[in-house]
């Protein structure tokens, strides 16, 4: 089997099964594990898979640059945002992560809703200018890929926050890889913010479900719920629930 055909097959298996075990597929195809691992390294380098111990997981399309992500799954993000807004009680203090799903949440939030929003995203903060909500912006070094503040100064500022809710954005929600993102500093910032809220909810539009990125943020059982946009009968929801995730339905 030619290398191109092998890679196509590996990608099809990732889409179908949500993971690849190098030893198993090498045996199935009558190839060496080294050949499969080489293919997986090349798929990883191309951003089409994420290599893990023993195999690979589907790569998340949500690791693209910020401008590109605005056009990815906009309807799904709006559905997630509407379900998330319903969790915000009047007068609540809410930490809002950066990203395009967080921006969709701002759009869904009624402009007269009384609450306090804390965010490390200047784009999210500016989108709240016409809202009644009080807005506090956490500063630090700007991570331009996601338009959020990260680094030591941002983590230190986050340590002084106390909130009712944190809406967490990730690029991957996977039954075994858990909640992941594409940058280690951004992952650390997300953990710091989650530690400052009574409840953390994940904003999971459909392109993130079953996908994974390089850096782990939190385990599925370390958040209060995952606002997941998928068919209620979808296999990925069953797998996430079996792995310990609490799922918030999106209507």
Protein backbone atom coordinates (compact mmCIF):
# COMPACT_ATOMS: atom_id res chain seq x y z
CA UNK A 1 0.00 0.00 0.00
CA UNK A 2 1.38 3.40 -0.99
CA UNK A 3 2.07 5.96 1.73
CA UNK A 4 -0.66 8.32 0.47
CA UNK A 5 -3.25 5.54 0.56
CA UNK A 6 -2.14 4.52 4.06
CA UNK A 7 -2.56 8.08 5.31
CA UNK A 8 -6.01 8.32 3.78
CA UNK A 9 -6.95 5.09 5.53
CA UNK A 10 -5.55 6.33 8.85
CA UNK A 11 -7.54 9.55 8.59
CA UNK A 12 -10.70 7.61 7.79
CA UNK A 13 -10.15 5.45 10.87
CA UNK A 14 -9.63 8.55 12.99
CA UNK A 15 -12.93 9.97 11.77
CA UNK A 16 -14.72 6.66 12.29
CA UNK A 17 -13.23 5.43 15.56
CA UNK A 18 -11.90 8.59 17.21
CA UNK A 19 -8.46 7.03 17.78
CA UNK A 20 -5.77 4.85 16.23
CA UNK A 21 -3.69 2.21 18.00
CA UNK A 22 -0.51 1.84 15.95
CA UNK A 23 0.11 -1.80 16.88
CA UNK A 24 -3.42 -2.89 15.98
CA UNK A 25 -3.58 -1.20 12.60
CA UNK A 26 -0.07 -2.33 11.70
CA UNK A 27 -1.15 -5.93 12.31
CA UNK A 28 -4.35 -5.42 10.32
CA UNK A 29 -2.46 -4.02 7.32
CA UNK A 30 0.50 -6.37 7.54
CA UNK A 31 2.93 -3.49 8.03
CA UNK A 32 5.57 -2.64 10.59
CA UNK A 33 4.68 -0.40 13.51
CA UNK A 34 7.53 1.86 12.42
CA UNK A 35 5.76 2.52 9.11
CA UNK A 36 2.52 3.42 10.87
CA UNK A 37 4.31 5.61 13.40
CA UNK A 38 6.09 7.42 10.57
CA UNK A 39 2.74 8.07 8.86
CA UNK A 40 1.29 9.34 12.13
CA UNK A 41 4.27 11.68 12.67
CA UNK A 42 3.69 13.14 9.21
CA UNK A 43 -0.05 13.52 9.80
CA UNK A 44 0.72 15.19 13.12
CA UNK A 45 3.17 17.60 11.44
CA UNK A 46 0.47 18.45 8.90
CA UNK A 47 -2.02 19.22 11.69
CA UNK A 48 -4.29 16.31 10.73
CA UNK A 49 -3.73 14.12 13.81
CA UNK A 50 -2.35 14.38 17.34
CA UNK A 51 0.16 11.71 18.25
CA UNK A 52 -0.25 10.13 21.67
CA UNK A 53 1.40 7.16 23.34
CA UNK A 54 0.69 4.10 21.22
CA UNK A 55 -1.15 5.87 18.40
CA UNK A 56 -3.04 9.05 17.53
CA UNK A 57 -6.23 11.04 18.08
CA UNK A 58 -8.17 13.30 15.68
CA UNK A 59 -6.72 16.81 15.50
CA UNK A 60 -9.06 19.67 16.35
CA UNK A 61 -9.85 22.22 13.60
CA UNK A 62 -10.26 24.78 16.41
CA UNK A 63 -6.48 25.30 16.65
CA UNK A 64 -6.54 27.43 13.50
CA UNK A 65 -5.76 31.14 13.74
CA UNK A 66 -8.37 33.41 15.29
CA UNK A 67 -9.67 34.87 12.02
CA UNK A 68 -10.13 31.41 10.50
CA UNK A 69 -11.98 30.11 13.57
CA UNK A 70 -14.68 32.76 13.24
CA UNK A 71 -16.00 30.86 10.21
CA UNK A 72 -15.87 27.39 11.85
CA UNK A 73 -19.22 25.96 13.05
CA UNK A 74 -20.92 29.34 13.71
CA UNK A 75 -24.40 27.81 14.12
CA UNK A 76 -23.12 25.26 16.63
CA UNK A 77 -21.38 28.02 18.60
CA UNK A 78 -24.62 30.00 18.74
CA UNK A 79 -26.49 26.99 20.12
CA UNK A 80 -23.82 26.41 22.76
CA UNK A 81 -23.86 30.10 23.65
CA UNK A 82 -27.64 30.14 24.13
CA UNK A 83 -27.47 27.15 26.48
CA UNK A 84 -24.58 28.69 28.42
CA UNK A 85 -26.31 32.04 28.89
CA UNK A 86 -29.21 30.25 30.56
CA UNK A 87 -26.79 29.28 33.36
CA UNK A 88 -26.01 32.91 34.28
CA UNK A 89 -28.16 34.08 37.19
CA UNK A 90 -28.83 37.82 37.66
CA UNK A 91 -26.05 39.36 39.73
CA UNK A 92 -23.59 36.52 39.07
CA UNK A 93 -19.87 37.06 38.64
CA UNK A 94 -18.71 35.21 35.54
CA UNK A 95 -15.22 34.57 34.19
CA UNK A 96 -15.38 34.35 30.42
CA UNK A 97 -12.57 32.76 28.43
CA UNK A 98 -11.43 34.02 25.05
CA UNK A 99 -12.30 32.60 21.66
CA UNK A 100 -15.06 32.70 19.10
CA UNK A 101 -17.54 30.66 21.17
CA UNK A 102 -17.09 33.12 24.04
CA UNK A 103 -17.89 35.92 21.61
CA UNK A 104 -21.05 34.05 20.60
CA UNK A 105 -21.97 33.90 24.30
CA UNK A 106 -21.61 37.69 24.55
CA UNK A 107 -23.91 38.06 21.54
CA UNK A 108 -26.48 35.79 23.20
CA UNK A 109 -26.31 37.57 26.56
CA UNK A 110 -29.20 40.06 26.92
CA UNK A 111 -27.76 43.56 27.00
CA UNK A 112 -29.73 44.46 30.11
CA UNK A 113 -28.73 41.33 32.07
CA UNK A 114 -27.21 42.44 35.41
CA UNK A 115 -23.95 40.59 36.07
CA UNK A 116 -20.19 41.03 36.31
CA UNK A 117 -17.93 39.66 33.59
CA UNK A 118 -14.23 39.05 34.15
CA UNK A 119 -12.21 38.16 31.06
CA UNK A 120 -8.63 37.99 29.84
CA UNK A 121 -9.78 38.57 26.26
CA UNK A 122 -9.72 42.16 24.96
CA UNK A 123 -12.05 41.16 22.10
CA UNK A 124 -14.61 39.76 24.55
CA UNK A 125 -14.28 42.87 26.74
CA UNK A 126 -14.85 45.22 23.81
CA UNK A 127 -17.90 43.20 22.70
CA UNK A 128 -19.44 43.93 26.11
CA UNK A 129 -19.27 47.72 25.78
CA UNK A 130 -23.00 48.02 25.06
CA UNK A 131 -24.04 45.64 27.87
CA UNK A 132 -25.21 46.53 31.35
CA UNK A 133 -22.70 44.05 32.79
CA UNK A 134 -19.75 45.39 34.74
CA UNK A 135 -16.57 44.30 32.94
CA UNK A 136 -13.13 43.62 34.41
CA UNK A 137 -10.23 42.92 32.06
CA UNK A 138 -7.34 40.74 33.23
CA UNK A 139 -4.03 41.93 31.81
CA UNK A 140 -0.82 40.19 30.81
CA UNK A 141 1.14 39.31 27.70
CA UNK A 142 -1.15 39.12 24.67
CA UNK A 143 -1.21 35.70 23.04
CA UNK A 144 -2.18 36.85 19.56
CA UNK A 145 -3.22 33.45 18.21
CA UNK A 146 -6.24 33.42 20.53
CA UNK A 147 -6.38 37.14 21.42
CA UNK A 148 -6.08 36.51 25.18
CA UNK A 149 -3.71 37.57 27.95
CA UNK A 150 -1.43 34.81 29.27
CA UNK A 151 1.82 34.51 31.18
CA UNK A 152 2.92 35.08 34.76
CA UNK A 153 1.29 38.51 35.15
CA UNK A 154 -2.07 37.21 33.94
CA UNK A 155 -1.92 34.16 36.22
CA UNK A 156 -1.05 36.40 39.19
CA UNK A 157 -3.97 38.72 38.41
CA UNK A 158 -6.28 35.71 38.12
CA UNK A 159 -5.33 34.61 41.64
CA UNK A 160 -7.21 37.64 43.03
CA UNK A 161 -10.48 36.76 41.29
CA UNK A 162 -13.45 35.02 42.86
CA UNK A 163 -16.38 34.07 40.62
CA UNK A 164 -19.54 32.02 40.47
CA UNK A 165 -18.98 30.62 36.99
CA UNK A 166 -16.16 30.16 34.50
CA UNK A 167 -17.00 29.44 30.87
CA UNK A 168 -13.98 27.57 29.55
CA UNK A 169 -13.03 27.43 25.90
CA UNK A 170 -10.97 24.49 24.65
CA UNK A 171 -10.04 23.11 21.25
CA UNK A 172 -10.60 19.45 22.07
CA UNK A 173 -13.09 17.43 24.14
CA UNK A 174 -12.16 13.76 24.01
CA UNK A 175 -13.09 10.75 26.18
CA UNK A 176 -9.45 9.81 26.82
CA UNK A 177 -7.47 13.00 26.12
CA UNK A 178 -10.05 15.03 28.12
CA UNK A 179 -10.03 18.84 27.71
CA UNK A 180 -7.16 20.12 25.60
CA UNK A 181 -5.82 23.20 23.85
CA UNK A 182 -2.97 24.00 21.49
CA UNK A 183 -0.61 26.09 23.66
CA UNK A 184 0.93 25.27 27.07
CA UNK A 185 0.78 28.83 28.45
CA UNK A 186 -2.84 29.18 27.42
CA UNK A 187 -3.61 25.84 29.08
CA UNK A 188 -2.00 27.08 32.31
CA UNK A 189 -4.04 30.29 32.18
CA UNK A 190 -7.25 28.34 31.72
CA UNK A 191 -6.43 26.20 34.76
CA UNK A 192 -5.71 29.32 36.82
CA UNK A 193 -9.09 30.80 35.89
CA UNK A 194 -10.94 27.54 36.56
CA UNK A 195 -9.45 27.47 40.06
CA UNK A 196 -11.08 30.83 40.83
CA UNK A 197 -14.69 29.86 40.02
CA UNK A 198 -17.21 27.81 41.99
CA UNK A 199 -18.32 26.07 38.79
CA UNK A 200 -16.61 25.64 35.43
CA UNK A 201 -18.55 24.85 32.27
CA UNK A 202 -16.92 23.96 28.96
CA UNK A 203 -18.15 25.59 25.74
CA UNK A 204 -18.05 22.66 23.30
CA UNK A 205 -19.31 23.33 19.80
CA UNK A 206 -19.51 20.31 17.52
CA UNK A 207 -16.09 20.60 15.85
CA UNK A 208 -14.37 20.15 19.24
CA UNK A 209 -16.19 16.98 20.27
CA UNK A 210 -14.09 13.88 19.78
CA UNK A 211 -11.03 15.95 18.81
CA UNK A 212 -7.81 16.56 20.72
CA UNK A 213 -4.97 19.06 20.90
CA UNK A 214 -1.48 18.87 22.30
CA UNK A 215 -1.87 20.26 25.83
CA UNK A 216 -4.24 19.04 28.55
CA UNK A 217 -6.22 21.68 30.43
CA UNK A 218 -8.39 19.67 32.83
CA UNK A 219 -9.93 16.25 33.22
CA UNK A 220 -13.54 15.63 32.31
CA UNK A 221 -14.40 15.14 35.98
CA UNK A 222 -12.76 18.43 37.00
CA UNK A 223 -15.49 20.62 35.50
CA UNK A 224 -19.12 21.04 36.50
CA UNK A 225 -20.42 20.38 33.01
CA UNK A 226 -19.77 20.37 29.28
CA UNK A 227 -22.20 22.37 27.14
CA UNK A 228 -21.96 20.03 24.17
CA UNK A 229 -23.69 20.54 20.84
CA UNK A 230 -24.34 17.10 19.40
CA UNK A 231 -27.23 14.80 18.59
CA UNK A 232 -28.45 13.34 21.92
CA UNK A 233 -27.91 9.85 20.49
CA UNK A 234 -24.39 10.58 19.21
CA UNK A 235 -21.74 8.04 20.18
CA UNK A 236 -19.38 10.79 21.33
CA UNK A 237 -21.84 11.88 24.03
CA UNK A 238 -22.16 8.30 25.28
CA UNK A 239 -18.37 7.95 25.34
CA UNK A 240 -17.93 11.24 27.20
CA UNK A 241 -20.57 10.32 29.76
CA UNK A 242 -18.94 6.91 30.27
CA UNK A 243 -15.62 8.70 30.85
CA UNK A 244 -17.14 10.74 33.67
CA UNK A 245 -18.29 13.91 31.91
CA UNK A 246 -21.41 15.77 33.08
CA UNK A 247 -23.21 16.94 29.95
CA UNK A 248 -25.40 20.03 29.67
CA UNK A 249 -27.95 19.56 26.88
CA UNK A 250 -28.10 22.07 24.03
CA UNK A 251 -31.64 22.55 22.83
